[in-house]
Amino acid sequence: MFTRLSDIDRLFGTMNLLRNRLDNLYSDFDRSDSFRWAIQGSVPRTNLYEDGEGFEIRAEVPGLAKEDLKVNIQGNYLEISGTRSSDAPKGYRIHKTERGADSFSRSLTLPTDVDATKVEATLKNGILYLTLPKAEAVKPKKITIG
């Protein structure tokens, strides 16, 4: 069966019209401060690593000082929270803000309990590094046979 070229042209014309309308729709949303397609940066992206002795967590917290962060741990439950304050210069009128003042809280349940007295936290180049040693009760013990 042969298809007329005019039918194919009409199909592509309709597809172009749809694409243009979708482009306009998305660009209108992009101009609106009340709607965001992308995930807000309010929750830090986090990596969790484990070795035999404990865990290491790396969380992205760009633009925050150590005074803006709080880390709480209880058993195997970890909570990282913080507040980003406005950095608008005094005397300036704001036209657009994508890095506004906000707060966040990120909770993680670790695979095992952690010794909270030995947790170490450092902040370097916008990355929060947490070293979380496992609790002695959950570490494997080597038993010698006598």
Protein backbone atom coordinates (compact mmCIF):
# COMPACT_ATOMS: atom_id res chain seq x y z
CA MET A 1 0.00 0.00 0.00
CA PHE A 2 1.35 3.39 -0.98
CA THR A 3 0.94 6.45 1.22
CA ARG A 4 0.64 9.84 -0.35
CA LEU A 5 3.40 12.31 0.41
CA SER A 6 0.81 14.88 1.46
CA ASP A 7 -0.31 12.54 4.26
CA ILE A 8 3.26 12.27 5.55
CA ASP A 9 3.73 16.05 5.31
CA ARG A 10 0.53 16.60 7.26
CA LEU A 11 1.68 14.12 9.94
CA PHE A 12 5.05 15.87 10.36
CA GLY A 13 3.33 19.26 10.41
CA THR A 14 1.08 18.08 13.24
CA MET A 15 4.07 16.69 15.15
CA ASN A 16 5.92 20.03 14.77
CA LEU A 17 2.86 21.92 16.01
CA LEU A 18 2.63 19.65 19.07
CA ARG A 19 6.37 20.03 19.78
CA ASN A 20 6.14 23.83 19.54
CA ARG A 21 3.17 23.94 21.90
CA LEU A 22 4.95 21.70 24.42
CA ASP A 23 8.07 23.89 24.19
CA ASN A 24 5.96 26.96 24.92
CA LEU A 25 4.25 25.22 27.81
CA TYR A 26 7.55 24.20 29.42
CA SER A 27 9.12 27.62 28.90
CA ASP A 28 6.11 29.26 30.60
CA PHE A 29 6.61 26.99 33.62
CA ASP A 30 10.31 27.80 33.63
CA ARG A 31 9.53 31.51 33.98
CA SER A 32 7.27 30.91 36.96
CA ASP A 33 8.92 30.99 40.39
CA SER A 34 6.00 29.09 41.90
CA PHE A 35 6.51 25.93 39.84
CA ARG A 36 9.68 23.93 39.38
CA TRP A 37 10.14 20.85 37.22
CA ALA A 38 13.47 20.06 38.83
CA ILE A 39 13.86 18.83 42.37
CA GLN A 40 14.67 21.68 44.70
CA GLY A 41 18.10 21.58 46.28
CA SER A 42 16.56 21.48 49.73
CA VAL A 43 17.57 17.88 50.47
CA PRO A 44 21.27 17.13 50.21
CA ARG A 45 22.31 14.30 47.93
CA THR A 46 24.05 11.67 50.03
CA ASN A 47 26.37 8.72 49.50
CA LEU A 48 26.74 5.96 52.11
CA TYR A 49 29.81 3.73 52.22
CA GLU A 50 30.64 0.83 54.54
CA ASP A 51 33.78 -1.03 55.49
CA GLY A 52 34.23 -3.64 58.22
CA GLU A 53 34.64 -1.06 60.99
CA GLY A 54 31.96 1.48 60.16
CA PHE A 55 30.28 3.80 57.68
CA GLU A 56 31.20 6.97 55.86
CA ILE A 57 28.59 9.38 54.63
CA ARG A 58 29.19 12.21 52.20
CA ALA A 59 26.42 14.79 51.84
CA GLU A 60 26.40 17.75 49.45
CA VAL A 61 25.70 20.97 51.36
CA PRO A 62 27.10 23.75 49.14
CA GLY A 63 27.15 27.25 50.55
CA LEU A 64 26.56 26.18 54.16
CA ALA A 65 28.90 26.80 57.06
CA LYS A 66 29.36 24.30 59.88
CA GLU A 67 27.29 26.60 62.12
CA ASP A 68 24.32 26.13 59.73
CA LEU A 69 24.34 22.31 60.08
CA LYS A 70 23.12 19.92 62.78
CA VAL A 71 23.85 16.18 62.89
CA ASN A 72 21.98 13.90 65.30
CA ILE A 73 22.44 10.17 65.71
CA GLN A 74 20.64 7.65 67.87
CA GLY A 75 21.34 3.95 67.42
CA ASN A 76 21.18 3.45 63.66
CA TYR A 77 19.07 6.55 62.91
CA LEU A 78 20.91 9.56 61.47
CA GLU A 79 19.46 13.00 60.84
CA ILE A 80 21.24 15.82 59.01
CA SER A 81 19.52 19.19 59.08
CA GLY A 82 20.46 22.73 58.21
CA THR A 83 19.34 26.21 57.30
CA ARG A 84 20.43 28.35 54.37
CA SER A 85 19.97 32.06 55.00
CA SER A 86 19.33 34.67 52.34
CA ASP A 87 22.44 36.13 50.75
CA ALA A 88 20.78 39.11 49.07
CA PRO A 89 22.94 42.24 49.29
CA LYS A 90 21.50 45.06 51.38
CA GLY A 91 19.83 47.80 49.36
CA TYR A 92 19.25 45.59 46.31
CA ARG A 93 15.86 44.65 44.95
CA ILE A 94 15.42 40.96 44.18
CA HIS A 95 14.35 40.10 40.62
CA LYS A 96 14.87 36.33 40.72
CA THR A 97 15.94 33.92 43.44
CA GLU A 98 16.74 30.28 42.87
CA ARG A 99 19.03 30.02 45.91
CA GLY A 100 16.57 31.29 48.44
CA ALA A 101 16.60 30.88 52.18
CA ASP A 102 15.30 27.48 53.19
CA SER A 103 15.87 24.68 55.63
CA PHE A 104 16.20 20.94 55.12
CA SER A 105 16.20 17.72 57.07
CA ARG A 106 17.55 14.43 55.76
CA SER A 107 17.04 11.17 57.66
CA LEU A 108 18.82 7.88 57.07
CA THR A 109 18.45 4.50 58.71
CA LEU A 110 21.83 2.81 58.78
CA PRO A 111 22.17 -0.99 58.45
CA THR A 112 23.54 -1.34 62.02
CA ASP A 113 23.92 0.68 65.22
CA VAL A 114 26.71 3.23 65.44
CA ASP A 115 28.91 4.27 68.37
CA ALA A 116 27.72 7.87 68.72
CA THR A 117 30.64 8.85 70.98
CA LYS A 118 33.17 8.22 68.20
CA VAL A 119 31.39 9.92 65.28
CA GLU A 120 33.51 12.46 63.42
CA ALA A 121 32.16 15.20 61.13
CA THR A 122 34.09 17.52 58.83
CA LEU A 123 32.98 20.05 56.23
CA LYS A 124 35.20 20.60 53.21
CA ASN A 125 34.39 22.30 49.90
CA GLY A 126 30.62 22.00 50.38
CA ILE A 127 30.73 18.29 51.28
CA LEU A 128 29.86 17.08 54.78
CA TYR A 129 31.95 14.01 55.68
CA LEU A 130 30.68 11.81 58.49
CA THR A 131 32.70 8.88 59.85
CA LEU A 132 30.44 6.57 61.84
CA PRO A 133 32.13 3.62 63.59
CA LYS A 134 29.94 0.60 64.22
CA ALA A 135 28.94 -0.13 67.79
CA GLU A 136 31.08 -2.78 69.47
CA ALA A 137 28.02 -5.00 70.01
CA VAL A 138 27.43 -5.38 66.27
CA LYS A 139 31.05 -5.91 65.20
CA PRO A 140 31.97 -9.52 64.50
CA LYS A 141 34.08 -11.16 67.22
CA LYS A 142 36.76 -13.70 66.51
CA ILE A 143 36.48 -16.64 68.88
CA THR A 144 39.56 -18.75 69.47
CA ILE A 145 39.00 -22.38 70.17
CA GLY A 146 40.92 -23.65 73.18
